[in-house]
N, C-alpha and C. Protein backbone atom coordinates (compact mmCIF):
# COMPACT_ATOMS: atom_id res chain seq x y z
N MET A 1 0.79 -1.15 0.00
CA MET A 1 0.01 0.01 -0.04
C MET A 1 0.91 1.17 0.05
N LYS A 2 0.56 2.20 -0.82
CA LYS A 2 1.32 3.47 -0.89
C LYS A 2 0.37 4.52 -0.27
N PHE A 3 0.99 5.46 0.39
CA PHE A 3 0.23 6.61 0.92
C PHE A 3 1.05 7.88 0.78
N TYR A 4 0.43 8.88 0.21
CA TYR A 4 0.97 10.19 0.01
C TYR A 4 0.12 11.30 0.61
N GLN A 5 0.70 12.25 1.18
CA GLN A 5 -0.13 13.27 1.78
C GLN A 5 0.56 14.64 1.75
N LYS A 6 -0.12 15.67 1.40
CA LYS A 6 0.55 17.04 1.45
C LYS A 6 -0.51 18.07 1.66
N GLU A 7 -0.09 19.28 2.17
CA GLU A 7 -1.04 20.28 2.36
C GLU A 7 -0.64 21.36 1.38
N ILE A 8 -1.64 21.93 0.72
CA ILE A 8 -1.32 23.04 -0.23
C ILE A 8 -2.16 24.19 0.17
N LYS A 9 -1.78 25.43 -0.26
CA LYS A 9 -2.47 26.56 -0.06
C LYS A 9 -3.02 27.24 -1.30
N LEU A 10 -4.28 27.38 -1.40
CA LEU A 10 -4.85 27.96 -2.63
C LEU A 10 -4.92 29.47 -2.42
N PRO A 11 -4.66 30.27 -3.41
CA PRO A 11 -4.75 31.72 -3.22
C PRO A 11 -6.19 32.11 -3.01
N ALA A 12 -6.40 33.28 -2.46
CA ALA A 12 -7.78 33.72 -2.25
C ALA A 12 -8.55 33.79 -3.52
N HIS A 13 -9.70 33.35 -3.47
CA HIS A 13 -10.72 33.38 -4.64
C HIS A 13 -11.90 34.27 -4.21
N LYS A 14 -12.49 34.88 -5.17
CA LYS A 14 -13.74 35.58 -4.90
C LYS A 14 -14.84 34.70 -4.54
N ARG A 15 -15.84 35.17 -3.98
CA ARG A 15 -17.03 34.34 -3.59
C ARG A 15 -17.60 33.75 -4.81
N GLY A 16 -17.79 32.41 -4.73
CA GLY A 16 -18.33 31.73 -5.77
C GLY A 16 -17.84 30.26 -5.86
N PHE A 17 -18.09 29.60 -6.98
CA PHE A 17 -17.62 28.22 -7.27
C PHE A 17 -16.56 28.27 -8.30
N HIS A 18 -15.40 27.57 -7.94
CA HIS A 18 -14.23 27.71 -8.82
C HIS A 18 -13.65 26.32 -9.12
N LEU A 19 -13.40 25.98 -10.35
CA LEU A 19 -12.69 24.63 -10.73
C LEU A 19 -11.31 24.70 -10.24
N ILE A 20 -10.96 23.69 -9.53
CA ILE A 20 -9.60 23.42 -9.02
C ILE A 20 -9.03 22.15 -9.42
N THR A 21 -9.60 21.43 -10.26
CA THR A 21 -9.17 20.11 -10.64
C THR A 21 -7.74 20.01 -11.03
N GLU A 22 -7.29 20.96 -11.89
CA GLU A 22 -5.92 20.88 -12.41
C GLU A 22 -4.96 21.20 -11.27
N THR A 23 -5.30 22.12 -10.38
CA THR A 23 -4.49 22.47 -9.20
C THR A 23 -4.20 21.29 -8.41
N ILE A 24 -5.30 20.47 -8.22
CA ILE A 24 -5.29 19.21 -7.33
C ILE A 24 -4.34 18.23 -8.01
N ARG A 25 -4.60 17.97 -9.29
CA ARG A 25 -3.74 17.07 -10.10
C ARG A 25 -2.26 17.40 -10.03
N ALA A 26 -2.02 18.67 -10.32
CA ALA A 26 -0.59 19.17 -10.30
C ALA A 26 0.14 19.05 -8.97
N SER A 27 -0.71 19.12 -7.88
CA SER A 27 -0.10 19.10 -6.59
C SER A 27 0.21 17.68 -6.06
N MET A 28 -0.46 16.71 -6.63
CA MET A 28 -0.18 15.28 -6.22
C MET A 28 0.15 14.47 -7.45
N LEU A 29 1.38 14.67 -7.87
CA LEU A 29 1.84 13.87 -8.99
C LEU A 29 2.06 12.43 -8.78
N GLN A 30 2.14 12.01 -7.54
CA GLN A 30 2.41 10.62 -7.06
C GLN A 30 1.27 9.75 -7.40
N ILE A 31 0.10 10.30 -7.85
CA ILE A 31 -1.00 9.35 -8.18
C ILE A 31 -0.65 8.48 -9.37
N VAL A 32 0.34 8.81 -10.11
CA VAL A 32 0.78 7.95 -11.28
C VAL A 32 1.24 6.63 -10.72
N ASP A 33 1.71 6.57 -9.46
CA ASP A 33 2.34 5.40 -8.89
C ASP A 33 1.21 4.44 -8.32
N ILE A 34 -0.07 4.87 -8.45
CA ILE A 34 -1.11 4.10 -7.82
C ILE A 34 -2.06 3.50 -8.85
N ARG A 35 -2.06 2.19 -8.82
CA ARG A 35 -2.92 1.41 -9.84
C ARG A 35 -4.38 1.51 -9.51
N ALA A 36 -4.66 1.23 -8.19
CA ALA A 36 -6.08 1.32 -7.77
C ALA A 36 -6.03 1.93 -6.31
N GLY A 37 -6.82 3.03 -6.16
CA GLY A 37 -6.76 3.67 -4.82
C GLY A 37 -7.82 4.80 -4.77
N MET A 38 -7.58 5.76 -3.87
CA MET A 38 -8.44 6.86 -3.61
C MET A 38 -7.62 8.17 -3.46
N LEU A 39 -8.16 9.31 -3.83
CA LEU A 39 -7.68 10.50 -3.58
C LEU A 39 -8.71 11.27 -2.66
N GLN A 40 -8.26 11.69 -1.60
CA GLN A 40 -9.16 12.50 -0.71
C GLN A 40 -8.66 13.93 -0.61
N VAL A 41 -9.56 14.86 -0.69
CA VAL A 41 -9.18 16.26 -0.58
C VAL A 41 -10.08 16.81 0.57
N PHE A 42 -9.37 17.49 1.53
CA PHE A 42 -10.06 18.01 2.72
C PHE A 42 -9.73 19.47 2.83
N ILE A 43 -10.69 20.37 3.07
CA ILE A 43 -10.43 21.81 3.18
C ILE A 43 -10.53 22.09 4.72
N LYS A 44 -9.53 22.86 5.16
CA LYS A 44 -9.27 23.14 6.59
C LYS A 44 -9.99 24.41 6.99
N HIS A 45 -11.25 24.64 6.60
CA HIS A 45 -11.94 25.96 6.88
C HIS A 45 -13.44 25.63 7.09
N THR A 46 -14.03 26.58 7.84
CA THR A 46 -15.51 26.42 8.15
C THR A 46 -16.39 27.33 7.28
N SER A 47 -15.75 28.14 6.38
CA SER A 47 -16.68 29.02 5.56
C SER A 47 -16.35 28.82 4.06
N ALA A 48 -15.79 27.67 3.71
CA ALA A 48 -15.66 27.25 2.30
C ALA A 48 -15.76 25.68 2.27
N SER A 49 -16.05 25.20 1.11
CA SER A 49 -16.31 23.82 0.94
C SER A 49 -15.81 23.25 -0.40
N LEU A 50 -15.99 22.01 -0.52
CA LEU A 50 -15.58 21.24 -1.80
C LEU A 50 -16.75 20.51 -2.27
N THR A 51 -16.79 20.35 -3.64
CA THR A 51 -17.78 19.51 -4.22
C THR A 51 -17.27 19.02 -5.62
N ILE A 52 -17.93 18.12 -6.26
CA ILE A 52 -17.68 17.68 -7.61
C ILE A 52 -18.90 17.87 -8.43
N ASN A 53 -18.74 18.57 -9.62
CA ASN A 53 -19.83 18.77 -10.45
C ASN A 53 -19.34 19.13 -11.88
N GLU A 54 -20.22 19.70 -12.64
CA GLU A 54 -19.98 20.03 -14.10
C GLU A 54 -18.77 20.92 -14.29
N ASN A 55 -17.86 20.40 -15.21
CA ASN A 55 -16.68 21.09 -15.46
C ASN A 55 -16.60 21.82 -16.81
N ALA A 56 -17.62 21.71 -17.60
CA ALA A 56 -17.62 22.30 -18.96
C ALA A 56 -18.22 23.65 -19.08
N ASP A 57 -19.44 23.79 -18.56
CA ASP A 57 -20.23 24.99 -18.73
C ASP A 57 -20.14 25.89 -17.49
N PRO A 58 -19.48 27.03 -17.57
CA PRO A 58 -19.28 27.83 -16.38
C PRO A 58 -20.56 28.43 -15.73
N THR A 59 -21.62 28.41 -16.57
CA THR A 59 -22.91 28.91 -15.99
C THR A 59 -23.41 27.97 -14.93
N VAL A 60 -23.04 26.66 -14.90
CA VAL A 60 -23.43 25.81 -13.79
C VAL A 60 -22.85 26.46 -12.45
N ARG A 61 -21.67 26.95 -12.45
CA ARG A 61 -21.06 27.50 -11.24
C ARG A 61 -21.77 28.72 -10.79
N ILE A 62 -22.22 29.55 -11.75
CA ILE A 62 -22.98 30.78 -11.45
C ILE A 62 -24.37 30.35 -10.86
N ASP A 63 -24.96 29.42 -11.41
CA ASP A 63 -26.27 28.84 -10.89
C ASP A 63 -26.14 28.37 -9.46
N PHE A 64 -25.08 27.57 -9.23
CA PHE A 64 -24.71 27.09 -7.90
C PHE A 64 -24.72 28.20 -6.92
N GLU A 65 -24.01 29.26 -7.21
CA GLU A 65 -23.92 30.48 -6.31
C GLU A 65 -25.25 31.11 -6.15
N SER A 66 -25.97 31.31 -7.21
CA SER A 66 -27.29 32.00 -7.08
C SER A 66 -28.28 31.11 -6.23
N HIS A 67 -28.28 29.78 -6.47
CA HIS A 67 -29.11 28.90 -5.67
C HIS A 67 -28.73 28.87 -4.17
N MET A 68 -27.46 28.76 -3.89
CA MET A 68 -26.96 28.65 -2.46
C MET A 68 -27.39 30.02 -1.77
N ASN A 69 -27.26 31.16 -2.43
CA ASN A 69 -27.57 32.36 -1.86
C ASN A 69 -29.07 32.59 -1.61
N THR A 70 -29.93 31.93 -2.48
CA THR A 70 -31.26 32.02 -2.17
C THR A 70 -31.71 31.03 -1.10
N MET A 71 -31.04 29.85 -1.15
CA MET A 71 -31.41 28.88 -0.10
C MET A 71 -30.84 29.27 1.28
N VAL A 72 -29.70 29.93 1.37
CA VAL A 72 -29.11 30.36 2.61
C VAL A 72 -28.84 31.77 2.58
N PRO A 73 -29.84 32.68 2.86
CA PRO A 73 -29.76 34.13 2.69
C PRO A 73 -28.86 34.69 3.78
N GLU A 74 -28.33 35.94 3.45
CA GLU A 74 -27.63 36.75 4.46
C GLU A 74 -28.71 37.51 5.19
N ASP A 75 -28.33 37.99 6.44
CA ASP A 75 -29.16 38.85 7.30
C ASP A 75 -30.50 38.17 7.74
N ALA A 76 -30.47 36.85 7.89
CA ALA A 76 -31.70 36.27 8.40
C ALA A 76 -31.93 36.70 9.85
N PRO A 77 -33.10 37.11 10.18
CA PRO A 77 -33.29 37.75 11.50
C PRO A 77 -33.01 36.75 12.73
N TYR A 78 -32.91 35.48 12.50
CA TYR A 78 -32.69 34.55 13.59
C TYR A 78 -31.15 34.28 13.75
N TYR A 79 -30.31 34.73 12.93
CA TYR A 79 -28.88 34.56 13.10
C TYR A 79 -28.38 35.24 14.34
N ILE A 80 -27.66 34.55 15.18
CA ILE A 80 -27.04 35.17 16.36
C ILE A 80 -25.53 35.51 16.07
N HIS A 81 -24.89 34.60 15.40
CA HIS A 81 -23.47 34.74 15.08
C HIS A 81 -23.38 35.75 13.85
N THR A 82 -23.25 36.99 14.26
CA THR A 82 -23.24 38.02 13.19
C THR A 82 -22.06 38.97 13.27
N TYR A 83 -21.21 38.86 14.25
CA TYR A 83 -20.11 39.83 14.48
C TYR A 83 -18.93 39.69 13.49
N GLU A 84 -18.92 38.66 12.62
CA GLU A 84 -17.88 38.58 11.60
C GLU A 84 -18.38 38.98 10.22
N GLY A 85 -19.61 39.60 10.12
CA GLY A 85 -20.13 40.10 8.88
C GLY A 85 -21.32 39.30 8.49
N ALA A 86 -22.12 39.93 7.62
CA ALA A 86 -23.44 39.41 7.18
C ALA A 86 -23.24 38.05 6.37
N ASP A 87 -22.07 37.88 5.75
CA ASP A 87 -21.83 36.72 4.98
C ASP A 87 -21.27 35.55 5.79
N ASP A 88 -20.90 35.71 7.02
CA ASP A 88 -20.14 34.71 7.81
C ASP A 88 -21.07 33.58 8.23
N MET A 89 -22.17 33.81 8.90
CA MET A 89 -23.03 32.69 9.34
C MET A 89 -23.58 31.91 8.08
N PRO A 90 -24.08 32.63 7.06
CA PRO A 90 -24.44 31.88 5.90
C PRO A 90 -23.29 31.04 5.28
N ALA A 91 -22.07 31.52 5.39
CA ALA A 91 -20.95 30.77 4.83
C ALA A 91 -20.78 29.48 5.69
N HIS A 92 -20.91 29.54 6.93
CA HIS A 92 -20.83 28.26 7.75
C HIS A 92 -21.88 27.22 7.40
N ILE A 93 -23.09 27.76 7.17
CA ILE A 93 -24.16 26.86 6.83
C ILE A 93 -23.95 26.27 5.50
N LYS A 94 -23.49 27.04 4.46
CA LYS A 94 -23.26 26.54 3.11
C LYS A 94 -22.18 25.50 3.16
N ALA A 95 -21.12 25.73 3.96
CA ALA A 95 -20.00 24.88 4.04
C ALA A 95 -20.45 23.51 4.59
N SER A 96 -21.29 23.52 5.58
CA SER A 96 -21.86 22.26 6.19
C SER A 96 -22.69 21.58 5.12
N LEU A 97 -23.48 22.23 4.45
CA LEU A 97 -24.35 21.59 3.39
C LEU A 97 -23.61 21.08 2.20
N MET A 98 -22.53 21.69 1.81
CA MET A 98 -21.69 21.27 0.67
C MET A 98 -20.68 20.23 1.06
N GLY A 99 -20.09 20.38 2.24
CA GLY A 99 -19.12 19.41 2.73
C GLY A 99 -17.67 19.93 2.66
N THR A 100 -16.87 19.28 3.56
CA THR A 100 -15.48 19.65 3.68
C THR A 100 -14.49 18.81 2.95
N SER A 101 -14.95 17.62 2.43
CA SER A 101 -14.09 16.64 1.81
C SER A 101 -14.74 15.98 0.71
N ILE A 102 -13.87 15.57 -0.24
CA ILE A 102 -14.36 14.69 -1.43
C ILE A 102 -13.43 13.55 -1.57
N GLN A 103 -13.85 12.45 -2.20
CA GLN A 103 -13.04 11.35 -2.51
C GLN A 103 -13.19 11.01 -4.04
N ILE A 104 -12.11 10.73 -4.64
CA ILE A 104 -12.14 10.36 -6.08
C ILE A 104 -11.31 9.09 -6.28
N PRO A 105 -11.90 8.11 -7.02
CA PRO A 105 -11.10 6.91 -7.30
C PRO A 105 -9.83 7.21 -8.08
N ILE A 106 -8.76 6.48 -7.86
CA ILE A 106 -7.58 6.57 -8.67
C ILE A 106 -7.60 5.21 -9.48
N THR A 107 -7.50 5.23 -10.78
CA THR A 107 -7.42 4.03 -11.54
C THR A 107 -6.24 4.11 -12.61
N ASP A 108 -5.30 3.22 -12.53
CA ASP A 108 -4.14 3.22 -13.44
C ASP A 108 -3.47 4.59 -13.45
N GLY A 109 -3.25 5.10 -12.25
CA GLY A 109 -2.50 6.39 -12.13
C GLY A 109 -3.18 7.65 -12.46
N LYS A 110 -4.55 7.64 -12.67
CA LYS A 110 -5.29 8.80 -13.04
C LYS A 110 -6.48 8.92 -12.16
N LEU A 111 -6.93 10.18 -11.95
CA LEU A 111 -8.18 10.43 -11.28
C LEU A 111 -9.34 9.94 -12.21
N ASN A 112 -10.13 9.09 -11.55
CA ASN A 112 -11.24 8.44 -12.39
C ASN A 112 -12.55 9.27 -12.27
N LEU A 113 -12.44 10.48 -12.75
CA LEU A 113 -13.62 11.36 -12.79
C LEU A 113 -14.48 11.11 -14.02
N GLY A 114 -15.66 11.38 -14.01
CA GLY A 114 -16.51 11.35 -15.23
C GLY A 114 -16.02 12.45 -16.15
N ILE A 115 -16.36 12.36 -17.43
CA ILE A 115 -15.88 13.23 -18.54
C ILE A 115 -16.25 14.71 -18.21
N TRP A 116 -17.45 14.88 -17.57
CA TRP A 116 -17.92 16.23 -17.35
C TRP A 116 -17.73 16.71 -15.85
N GLN A 117 -16.97 15.89 -15.11
CA GLN A 117 -16.82 16.23 -13.67
C GLN A 117 -15.53 16.97 -13.40
N GLY A 118 -15.63 17.99 -12.49
CA GLY A 118 -14.51 18.71 -12.03
C GLY A 118 -14.59 18.91 -10.54
N ILE A 119 -13.51 19.21 -9.92
CA ILE A 119 -13.47 19.55 -8.45
C ILE A 119 -13.67 21.08 -8.24
N TYR A 120 -14.62 21.42 -7.38
CA TYR A 120 -14.94 22.90 -7.10
C TYR A 120 -14.39 23.23 -5.70
N LEU A 121 -13.73 24.37 -5.64
CA LEU A 121 -13.67 25.10 -4.43
C LEU A 121 -14.90 25.98 -4.37
N CYS A 122 -15.70 25.82 -3.25
CA CYS A 122 -16.90 26.60 -3.04
C CYS A 122 -16.53 27.71 -2.06
N GLU A 123 -16.34 28.91 -2.47
CA GLU A 123 -15.97 29.94 -1.58
C GLU A 123 -17.27 30.75 -1.23
N HIS A 124 -17.50 30.81 0.11
CA HIS A 124 -18.70 31.38 0.64
C HIS A 124 -18.63 32.69 1.25
N ARG A 125 -17.43 33.25 1.31
CA ARG A 125 -17.15 34.57 1.92
C ARG A 125 -16.85 35.61 0.86
N ASP A 126 -17.29 36.88 1.16
CA ASP A 126 -17.08 37.97 0.29
C ASP A 126 -15.54 38.28 0.17
N ASN A 127 -14.84 38.33 1.23
CA ASN A 127 -13.46 38.65 1.31
C ASN A 127 -12.69 37.58 1.94
N ALA A 128 -12.59 36.44 1.23
CA ALA A 128 -11.94 35.32 1.70
C ALA A 128 -10.38 35.48 1.71
N SER A 129 -9.77 34.64 2.46
CA SER A 129 -8.26 34.64 2.48
C SER A 129 -7.93 33.31 1.72
N ALA A 130 -6.59 33.05 1.69
CA ALA A 130 -6.09 31.81 1.11
C ALA A 130 -6.78 30.62 1.82
N ARG A 131 -6.89 29.52 1.19
CA ARG A 131 -7.53 28.30 1.74
C ARG A 131 -6.53 27.17 1.63
N LYS A 132 -6.45 26.41 2.88
CA LYS A 132 -5.52 25.28 2.92
C LYS A 132 -6.29 24.04 2.63
N LEU A 133 -5.72 23.19 1.86
CA LEU A 133 -6.31 21.80 1.56
C LEU A 133 -5.25 20.78 1.93
N VAL A 134 -5.80 19.63 2.47
CA VAL A 134 -4.93 18.53 2.77
C VAL A 134 -5.36 17.43 1.67
N ILE A 135 -4.37 16.97 0.94
CA ILE A 135 -4.64 16.07 -0.17
C ILE A 135 -3.90 14.71 0.16
N SER A 136 -4.65 13.63 0.17
CA SER A 136 -4.10 12.37 0.50
C SER A 136 -4.44 11.43 -0.67
N ALA A 137 -3.50 10.72 -1.08
CA ALA A 137 -3.62 9.66 -2.13
C ALA A 137 -3.12 8.30 -1.60
N PHE A 138 -3.84 7.28 -1.75
CA PHE A 138 -3.51 5.98 -1.21
C PHE A 138 -3.99 4.88 -2.07
N GLY A 139 -3.30 3.77 -2.11
CA GLY A 139 -3.67 2.66 -2.85
C GLY A 139 -2.55 1.71 -3.21
N ILE A 140 -2.78 0.85 -4.16
CA ILE A 140 -1.78 -0.14 -4.54
C ILE A 140 -1.21 0.19 -5.93
């Protein structure tokens, strides 16, 4: 069994959904050594998240942002945690709904994503900072 792990720092992204598939691939070149295994990506933050979805049409990412903002609005009168800004509590909720980690099969040294699938960084804050990811690849 082979196991590789590293932490990377993504530069700050504006609020929205951003494709980071190639950044992930480029940061874990050791997957070529794995015939069958898994890649796990974990984000070390509570106001951003990760998901896998459409990689071809950028309007999908715009629609994701619009839908999440409708589903989890800012300035809800019942929010108590408001001292970090109007976008903070909704960002925590969105991150919990979307999730903090993803797993992708590795087959014959390549990520086994569907043809239209890509890895998204889901940035839920207006003025986000850089984001740290822990990337783990393991298998035989």
